[in-house]
Amino acid sequence: MAKVLVTGGAGFIGSHVVRLLLERGDDVRVTVREGTRTDNLEGLDVERVVGDLRDRRAVRRAMQGVELLFHLAGSTSLRAGADALFESNVDVTRVVLGEALQAGVERVVHTSSVAAIGPAPPGTTADEEQVFRAGRFGLPFVNSKHEGEAEALRLCAAGLPVVIVNPAHVLGPGDVNRSSTELVRRFLLRQIPAYVDGTLCIVGVQDVARGHLLAAEKGAVGERYVLGGRNFTLDRLFADLGRLSGVEPPAVKLPLAVAMAGARAAVALPTRPVVTEDELLLASLRWAFRSTKAKRELGWTTAHHEEPLVQTIAWYRERDAGIVAAPGTRQPLALRAAGVGLRTAGSVARRLLPI
């Protein structure tokens, strides 16, 4: 029975990894920060180690006797500042994987993100071989995931047997901290008044968790593996969420420049902005990926592409019953009228303007 350490084991993906490890009989230790929500660990036979992953001594204690490490701790917040994101995704990676090297851990799976690869060029899909060019967008989350991956590879070169996984946009049940599934929650609350053109690769959390274990078992040291599913345009994603939930999709689609101007104006308001410039820019990019390598080398498979959407909707309907919109709910009349007006204006402009 292997001794396994999971950092971020109380989180969305981490808790699903923990469950799979327990199912196969591993001895699982989980690191949690003081004050971390541990709903996802309730009833699970795991050893909990409370500590700050920035503290080398605390990490060193957690690493004692560990044979296999899954490093999932990190921040996915698009609203956090650059310093906080680099601390969570780069500095913590340096500490945790550095101590794993010193402890002689036999295998490490580092959870990165497709953000570390960057968006695909128009009309294409990206994979692990794409050269990172996304730094020019100035998105702290994207850059922090790329630099965190660079730290993992640096320590791999120093002798740590690291395999990297790059999950796409993860949906499914159990996102108690409202990270990547917040998109669906806001959809169900009708809190997405408008959207922009963009593409998002959606994958189920259970599939991603299985991909972690397969990476530990079959992945090549120093290699990375994209764990992605269906590539949705935002038009298609919102249409499918509407069909599956019964809640009418957002009616207003804006040019990016117009949406960004609105986001900049909203910053001056005393209330929390509905969307930030970084979130809009990220949404407007082509996050389209192919997982050929993971399927070929790891034997990884995914469920039907609608399953993550269905599971997330069901989870929020149960968790936020009475808060999320009921099936049959339409968008507010003003937004529907605005959507019709924008579509009409766009159609007229396309007929009048030269191609």
Protein backbone atom coordinates (compact mmCIF):
# COMPACT_ATOMS: atom_id res chain seq x y z
CA MET A 1 0.00 0.00 0.00
CA ALA A 2 1.64 3.19 -1.23
CA LYS A 3 1.91 6.30 0.93
CA VAL A 4 0.50 9.13 -1.20
CA LEU A 5 0.51 12.84 -0.47
CA VAL A 6 -2.08 15.05 -2.17
CA THR A 7 -1.65 18.81 -1.86
CA GLY A 8 -4.92 20.60 -2.50
CA GLY A 9 -6.76 17.38 -1.70
CA ALA A 10 -9.77 19.21 -0.28
CA GLY A 11 -10.26 21.08 -3.54
CA PHE A 12 -12.32 20.35 -6.63
CA ILE A 13 -10.01 18.10 -8.64
CA GLY A 14 -7.94 17.04 -5.63
CA SER A 15 -10.86 15.52 -3.75
CA HIS A 16 -11.76 13.38 -6.76
CA VAL A 17 -8.15 12.22 -7.00
CA VAL A 18 -8.24 11.35 -3.28
CA ARG A 19 -11.36 9.24 -3.75
CA LEU A 20 -9.79 7.25 -6.58
CA LEU A 21 -6.65 6.65 -4.53
CA LEU A 22 -8.70 5.37 -1.61
CA GLU A 23 -10.70 3.11 -3.91
CA ARG A 24 -7.52 1.39 -5.04
CA GLY A 25 -6.29 1.00 -1.46
CA ASP A 26 -3.62 3.67 -1.10
CA ASP A 27 -2.65 5.26 2.23
CA VAL A 28 -3.56 8.89 1.57
CA ARG A 29 -2.28 12.01 3.31
CA VAL A 30 -3.78 15.39 2.45
CA THR A 31 -2.41 18.86 3.16
CA VAL A 32 -4.92 21.54 4.15
CA ARG A 33 -4.41 25.15 5.10
CA GLU A 34 -5.82 26.60 8.28
CA GLY A 35 -9.39 27.61 7.52
CA THR A 36 -9.66 25.52 4.34
CA ARG A 37 -13.13 24.15 3.62
CA THR A 38 -12.97 20.39 4.03
CA ASP A 39 -16.51 19.45 2.95
CA ASN A 40 -15.08 17.24 0.20
CA LEU A 41 -13.08 15.19 2.72
CA GLU A 42 -15.92 14.41 5.09
CA GLY A 43 -16.25 10.67 5.67
CA LEU A 44 -13.01 9.86 3.86
CA ASP A 45 -10.27 7.84 5.58
CA VAL A 46 -7.40 10.23 4.98
CA GLU A 47 -4.66 11.67 7.14
CA ARG A 48 -4.96 15.45 7.30
CA VAL A 49 -1.88 17.61 7.75
CA VAL A 50 -2.63 21.24 8.50
CA GLY A 51 0.05 23.63 7.33
CA ASP A 52 1.15 26.39 4.98
CA LEU A 53 2.79 25.09 1.81
CA ARG A 54 5.03 28.14 1.73
CA ASP A 55 6.67 26.85 4.92
CA ARG A 56 9.45 24.41 4.02
CA ARG A 57 9.49 22.85 7.47
CA ALA A 58 5.77 22.12 7.33
CA VAL A 59 6.11 20.65 3.85
CA ARG A 60 9.10 18.58 4.95
CA ARG A 61 7.02 17.03 7.75
CA ALA A 62 4.16 16.27 5.33
CA MET A 63 6.60 14.61 2.92
CA GLN A 64 7.91 12.04 5.42
CA GLY A 65 7.51 8.48 4.13
CA VAL A 66 5.77 9.60 0.93
CA GLU A 67 6.31 7.52 -2.23
CA LEU A 68 3.91 9.31 -4.59
CA LEU A 69 2.99 13.00 -4.67
CA PHE A 70 0.10 14.68 -6.46
CA HIS A 71 0.67 18.43 -6.34
CA LEU A 72 -2.71 20.05 -7.01
CA ALA A 73 -2.56 23.03 -4.65
CA GLY A 74 -2.70 26.40 -6.36
CA SER A 75 -4.94 29.29 -7.29
CA THR A 76 -7.27 29.50 -10.29
CA SER A 77 -8.69 32.93 -9.45
CA LEU A 78 -8.79 35.34 -12.36
CA ARG A 79 -9.35 38.23 -9.96
CA ALA A 80 -6.38 37.66 -7.70
CA GLY A 81 -3.38 39.95 -8.10
CA ALA A 82 -0.22 38.88 -9.87
CA ASP A 83 1.78 38.62 -6.62
CA ALA A 84 -0.79 36.31 -5.00
CA LEU A 85 -1.05 34.12 -8.10
CA PHE A 86 2.71 33.77 -8.51
CA GLU A 87 3.03 32.93 -4.81
CA SER A 88 0.38 30.19 -5.04
CA ASN A 89 1.32 28.75 -8.42
CA VAL A 90 5.07 29.31 -8.63
CA ASP A 91 6.59 29.81 -5.17
CA VAL A 92 4.56 26.99 -3.60
CA THR A 93 5.48 24.67 -6.47
CA ARG A 94 9.16 25.45 -5.89
CA VAL A 95 8.85 24.63 -2.18
CA VAL A 96 6.70 21.48 -2.49
CA LEU A 97 8.58 19.88 -5.37
CA GLY A 98 11.92 20.95 -3.94
CA GLU A 99 11.13 19.14 -0.70
CA ALA A 100 9.88 16.13 -2.69
CA LEU A 101 13.29 15.97 -4.37
CA GLN A 102 15.07 16.11 -1.02
CA ALA A 103 12.75 13.43 0.41
CA GLY A 104 13.39 11.05 -2.47
CA VAL A 105 9.76 10.82 -3.58
CA GLU A 106 9.54 8.17 -6.27
CA ARG A 107 6.93 9.80 -8.50
CA VAL A 108 5.33 13.24 -8.77
CA VAL A 109 2.30 14.37 -10.77
CA HIS A 110 2.22 18.15 -11.08
CA THR A 111 -1.16 19.68 -11.95
CA SER A 112 -0.67 22.51 -14.38
CA SER A 113 -3.29 23.86 -16.82
CA VAL A 114 -3.86 24.32 -20.52
CA ALA A 115 -3.26 27.98 -19.66
CA ALA A 116 0.45 27.08 -19.46
CA ILE A 117 0.26 26.06 -23.13
CA GLY A 118 -1.68 29.12 -24.23
CA PRO A 119 -4.63 29.58 -26.57
CA ALA A 120 -4.66 28.00 -30.01
CA PRO A 121 -4.24 30.07 -33.19
CA PRO A 122 -7.54 30.83 -34.98
CA GLY A 123 -9.15 27.79 -36.57
CA THR A 124 -6.82 25.27 -34.94
CA THR A 125 -6.43 23.22 -31.76
CA ALA A 126 -3.33 23.22 -29.57
CA ASP A 127 -1.42 20.39 -27.93
CA GLU A 128 1.62 19.87 -25.71
CA GLU A 129 4.06 20.84 -28.46
CA GLN A 130 2.78 24.40 -28.86
CA VAL A 131 5.33 27.08 -27.97
CA PHE A 132 4.02 29.37 -25.22
CA ARG A 133 3.26 32.80 -26.67
CA ALA A 134 0.50 33.89 -24.31
CA GLY A 135 2.73 36.11 -22.17
CA ARG A 136 1.90 39.01 -24.47
CA PHE A 137 -1.66 39.08 -23.15
CA GLY A 138 -0.46 40.09 -19.69
CA LEU A 139 -2.81 37.72 -17.87
CA PRO A 140 -1.36 36.95 -14.40
CA PHE A 141 -3.17 33.61 -14.06
CA VAL A 142 -1.89 32.35 -17.42
CA ASN A 143 1.66 33.50 -16.75
CA SER A 144 1.71 32.05 -13.24
CA LYS A 145 0.65 28.60 -14.50
CA HIS A 146 3.34 28.72 -17.19
CA GLU A 147 6.02 29.70 -14.67
CA GLY A 148 4.83 27.06 -12.20
CA GLU A 149 5.26 24.44 -14.88
CA ALA A 150 8.74 25.77 -15.61
CA GLU A 151 9.63 25.27 -11.93
CA ALA A 152 8.40 21.68 -12.10
CA LEU A 153 10.54 21.01 -15.17
CA ARG A 154 13.57 22.67 -13.56
CA LEU A 155 13.31 20.30 -10.60
CA CYS A 156 12.73 17.41 -12.99
CA ALA A 157 16.07 18.26 -14.61
CA ALA A 158 17.59 18.14 -11.13
CA GLY A 159 16.42 14.55 -10.69
CA LEU A 160 12.78 14.69 -9.52
CA PRO A 161 10.61 12.22 -11.50
CA VAL A 162 7.84 14.62 -12.50
CA VAL A 163 4.95 14.07 -14.90
CA ILE A 164 2.78 17.09 -15.75
CA VAL A 165 -0.93 17.12 -16.53
CA ASN A 166 -2.67 20.08 -18.15
CA PRO A 167 -6.42 19.98 -17.50
CA ALA A 168 -8.72 22.13 -19.61
CA HIS A 169 -11.80 23.88 -18.13
CA VAL A 170 -13.08 21.42 -15.55
CA LEU A 171 -16.79 20.93 -14.75
CA GLY A 172 -18.62 18.45 -12.55
CA PRO A 173 -19.79 18.03 -8.94
CA GLY A 174 -17.91 19.04 -5.82
CA ASP A 175 -16.57 22.52 -6.60
CA VAL A 176 -17.25 23.87 -3.10
CA ASN A 177 -14.91 26.81 -3.60
CA ARG A 178 -16.65 27.79 -6.84
CA SER A 179 -13.62 27.80 -9.08
CA SER A 180 -14.05 26.61 -12.67
CA THR A 181 -17.75 25.71 -12.29
CA GLU A 182 -18.60 29.30 -11.34
CA LEU A 183 -19.37 29.85 -15.03
CA VAL A 184 -22.27 27.41 -14.85
CA ARG A 185 -23.48 28.78 -11.52
CA ARG A 186 -23.57 32.31 -12.90
CA PHE A 187 -25.42 31.01 -15.97
CA LEU A 188 -28.06 29.42 -13.73
CA LEU A 189 -28.34 32.64 -11.73
CA ARG A 190 -28.72 34.65 -14.97
CA GLN A 191 -25.67 36.67 -13.97
CA ILE A 192 -24.13 36.61 -17.45
CA PRO A 193 -25.87 39.55 -19.12
CA ALA A 194 -23.64 39.43 -22.20
CA TYR A 195 -20.72 37.50 -23.65
CA VAL A 196 -18.05 37.71 -26.34
CA ASP A 197 -16.75 35.38 -29.03
CA GLY A 198 -14.50 32.68 -27.61
CA THR A 199 -13.81 28.95 -27.37
CA LEU A 200 -13.52 26.79 -24.27
CA CYS A 201 -12.38 23.18 -23.89
CA ILE A 202 -14.63 21.46 -21.34
CA VAL A 203 -13.71 18.27 -19.47
CA GLY A 204 -15.31 16.34 -16.61
CA VAL A 205 -13.68 16.32 -13.18
CA GLN A 206 -13.89 12.53 -12.83
CA ASP A 207 -12.10 12.12 -16.16
CA VAL A 208 -9.39 14.55 -15.05
CA ALA A 209 -8.93 12.68 -11.77
CA ARG A 210 -8.50 9.40 -13.66
CA GLY A 211 -6.01 11.14 -15.91
CA HIS A 212 -3.93 12.03 -12.85
CA LEU A 213 -3.69 8.40 -11.76
CA LEU A 214 -2.89 7.24 -15.29
CA ALA A 215 -0.16 9.88 -15.52
CA ALA A 216 1.36 8.56 -12.30
CA GLU A 217 1.22 5.01 -13.62
CA LYS A 218 2.11 5.40 -17.30
CA GLY A 219 3.29 8.95 -17.93
CA ALA A 220 6.82 9.60 -19.11
CA VAL A 221 9.01 11.64 -16.76
CA GLY A 222 9.42 15.21 -17.95
CA GLU A 223 6.42 15.01 -20.29
CA ARG A 224 3.11 16.83 -20.07
CA TYR A 225 -0.35 15.62 -21.02
CA VAL A 226 -3.37 17.70 -22.01
CA LEU A 227 -6.55 16.46 -20.34
CA GLY A 228 -9.31 18.02 -22.37
CA GLY A 229 -12.71 17.15 -23.79
CA ARG A 230 -15.07 18.90 -26.18
CA ASN A 231 -14.14 22.28 -27.64
CA PHE A 232 -17.16 24.57 -27.34
CA THR A 233 -17.63 27.98 -28.85
CA LEU A 234 -19.30 30.14 -26.21
CA ASP A 235 -22.35 30.30 -28.52
CA ARG A 236 -22.61 26.51 -28.45
CA LEU A 237 -21.76 26.18 -24.74
CA PHE A 238 -24.46 28.61 -23.64
CA ALA A 239 -26.97 27.06 -26.05
CA ASP A 240 -26.28 23.60 -24.59
CA LEU A 241 -26.43 24.86 -21.01
CA GLY A 242 -29.76 26.46 -21.86
CA ARG A 243 -31.13 23.29 -23.43
CA LEU A 244 -29.96 21.07 -20.57
CA SER A 245 -30.99 23.40 -17.73
CA GLY A 246 -34.11 24.99 -19.18
CA VAL A 247 -32.71 28.46 -18.41
CA GLU A 248 -32.61 30.82 -21.39
CA PRO A 249 -29.04 31.63 -22.51
CA PRO A 250 -27.67 35.20 -22.49
CA ALA A 251 -29.21 37.21 -25.31
CA VAL A 252 -26.49 39.81 -25.78
CA LYS A 253 -23.24 39.07 -27.62
CA LEU A 254 -20.83 42.00 -27.69
CA PRO A 255 -17.72 42.85 -29.69
CA LEU A 256 -14.72 42.51 -27.39
CA ALA A 257 -13.87 46.22 -27.58
CA VAL A 258 -17.37 47.19 -26.46
CA ALA A 259 -17.35 44.65 -23.62
CA MET A 260 -13.93 45.81 -22.43
CA ALA A 261 -15.07 49.43 -22.37
CA GLY A 262 -18.02 48.40 -20.20
CA ALA A 263 -15.74 46.46 -17.85
CA ARG A 264 -13.44 49.46 -17.47
CA ALA A 265 -16.40 51.69 -16.66
CA ALA A 266 -17.72 49.19 -14.11
CA VAL A 267 -14.48 49.36 -12.10
CA ALA A 268 -15.45 52.87 -10.98
CA LEU A 269 -18.71 51.64 -9.45
CA PRO A 270 -18.85 50.84 -5.71
CA THR A 271 -20.24 47.33 -6.31
CA ARG A 272 -18.27 44.23 -7.31
CA PRO A 273 -17.98 44.22 -11.12
CA VAL A 274 -19.91 41.54 -13.00
CA VAL A 275 -16.84 40.86 -15.11
CA THR A 276 -13.27 42.14 -15.26
CA GLU A 277 -11.11 43.02 -18.25
CA ASP A 278 -8.89 40.00 -17.61
CA GLU A 279 -11.91 37.68 -17.52
CA LEU A 280 -13.21 39.11 -20.80
CA LEU A 281 -9.85 38.85 -22.53
CA LEU A 282 -9.42 35.27 -21.35
CA ALA A 283 -12.95 34.38 -22.53
CA SER A 284 -12.32 35.87 -25.96
CA LEU A 285 -9.35 33.61 -26.75
CA ARG A 286 -9.43 30.24 -28.47
CA TRP A 287 -8.89 27.70 -25.68
CA ALA A 288 -9.23 24.71 -28.01
CA PHE A 289 -7.12 21.61 -27.41
CA ARG A 290 -6.63 18.02 -28.46
CA SER A 291 -5.72 15.23 -26.03
CA THR A 292 -4.29 12.77 -28.53
CA LYS A 293 -1.11 12.22 -26.51
CA ALA A 294 -2.93 11.38 -23.26
CA LYS A 295 -5.21 8.97 -25.09
CA ARG A 296 -2.35 7.30 -26.92
CA GLU A 297 0.26 7.08 -24.14
CA LEU A 298 -1.91 6.87 -21.02
CA GLY A 299 -4.96 5.05 -22.37
CA TRP A 300 -7.09 7.96 -21.14
CA THR A 301 -10.71 8.27 -22.20
CA THR A 302 -13.52 10.71 -21.50
CA ALA A 303 -17.23 10.45 -20.93
CA HIS A 304 -19.81 11.96 -23.33
CA HIS A 305 -19.18 15.67 -23.77
CA GLU A 306 -22.54 16.65 -22.23
CA GLU A 307 -21.99 14.75 -18.99
CA PRO A 308 -19.88 17.44 -17.24
CA LEU A 309 -22.55 20.02 -18.08
CA VAL A 310 -25.39 17.82 -16.83
CA GLN A 311 -23.55 16.95 -13.61
CA THR A 312 -22.66 20.56 -12.83
CA ILE A 313 -26.21 21.76 -13.41
CA ALA A 314 -27.59 18.98 -11.18
CA TRP A 315 -25.04 19.70 -8.44
CA TYR A 316 -25.90 23.40 -8.31
CA ARG A 317 -29.63 22.70 -8.50
CA GLU A 318 -29.26 20.58 -5.35
CA ARG A 319 -26.70 22.77 -3.58
CA ASP A 320 -28.28 26.13 -4.38
CA ALA A 321 -31.91 25.04 -4.50
CA GLY A 322 -34.20 28.05 -4.41
CA ILE A 323 -31.42 30.35 -5.59
CA VAL A 324 -30.65 29.26 -9.14
CA ALA A 325 -33.23 29.89 -11.83
CA ALA A 326 -35.89 27.26 -12.42
CA PRO A 327 -36.30 25.49 -15.78
CA GLY A 328 -38.29 27.68 -18.13
CA THR A 329 -36.80 30.92 -16.81
CA ARG A 330 -36.09 33.53 -19.47
CA GLN A 331 -33.54 36.31 -19.55
CA PRO A 332 -34.75 39.75 -18.39
CA LEU A 333 -36.83 41.55 -21.05
CA ALA A 334 -34.36 44.43 -21.37
CA LEU A 335 -31.49 42.06 -22.18
CA ARG A 336 -33.59 40.13 -24.69
CA ALA A 337 -34.49 43.37 -26.44
CA ALA A 338 -30.85 44.44 -26.45
CA GLY A 339 -29.85 41.12 -27.96
CA VAL A 340 -32.37 41.47 -30.78
CA GLY A 341 -31.17 45.02 -31.45
CA LEU A 342 -27.49 44.00 -31.57
CA ARG A 343 -28.19 41.06 -33.86
CA THR A 344 -30.21 43.28 -36.20
CA ALA A 345 -27.52 45.96 -36.26
CA GLY A 346 -24.86 43.35 -36.96
CA SER A 347 -26.89 41.86 -39.82
CA VAL A 348 -27.42 45.29 -41.39
CA ALA A 349 -23.73 46.15 -41.03
CA ARG A 350 -22.68 42.93 -42.75
CA ARG A 351 -24.93 43.72 -45.72
CA LEU A 352 -23.77 47.31 -46.08
CA LEU A 353 -20.07 47.05 -45.39
CA PRO A 354 -17.69 45.66 -48.05
CA ILE A 355 -16.15 42.27 -47.33
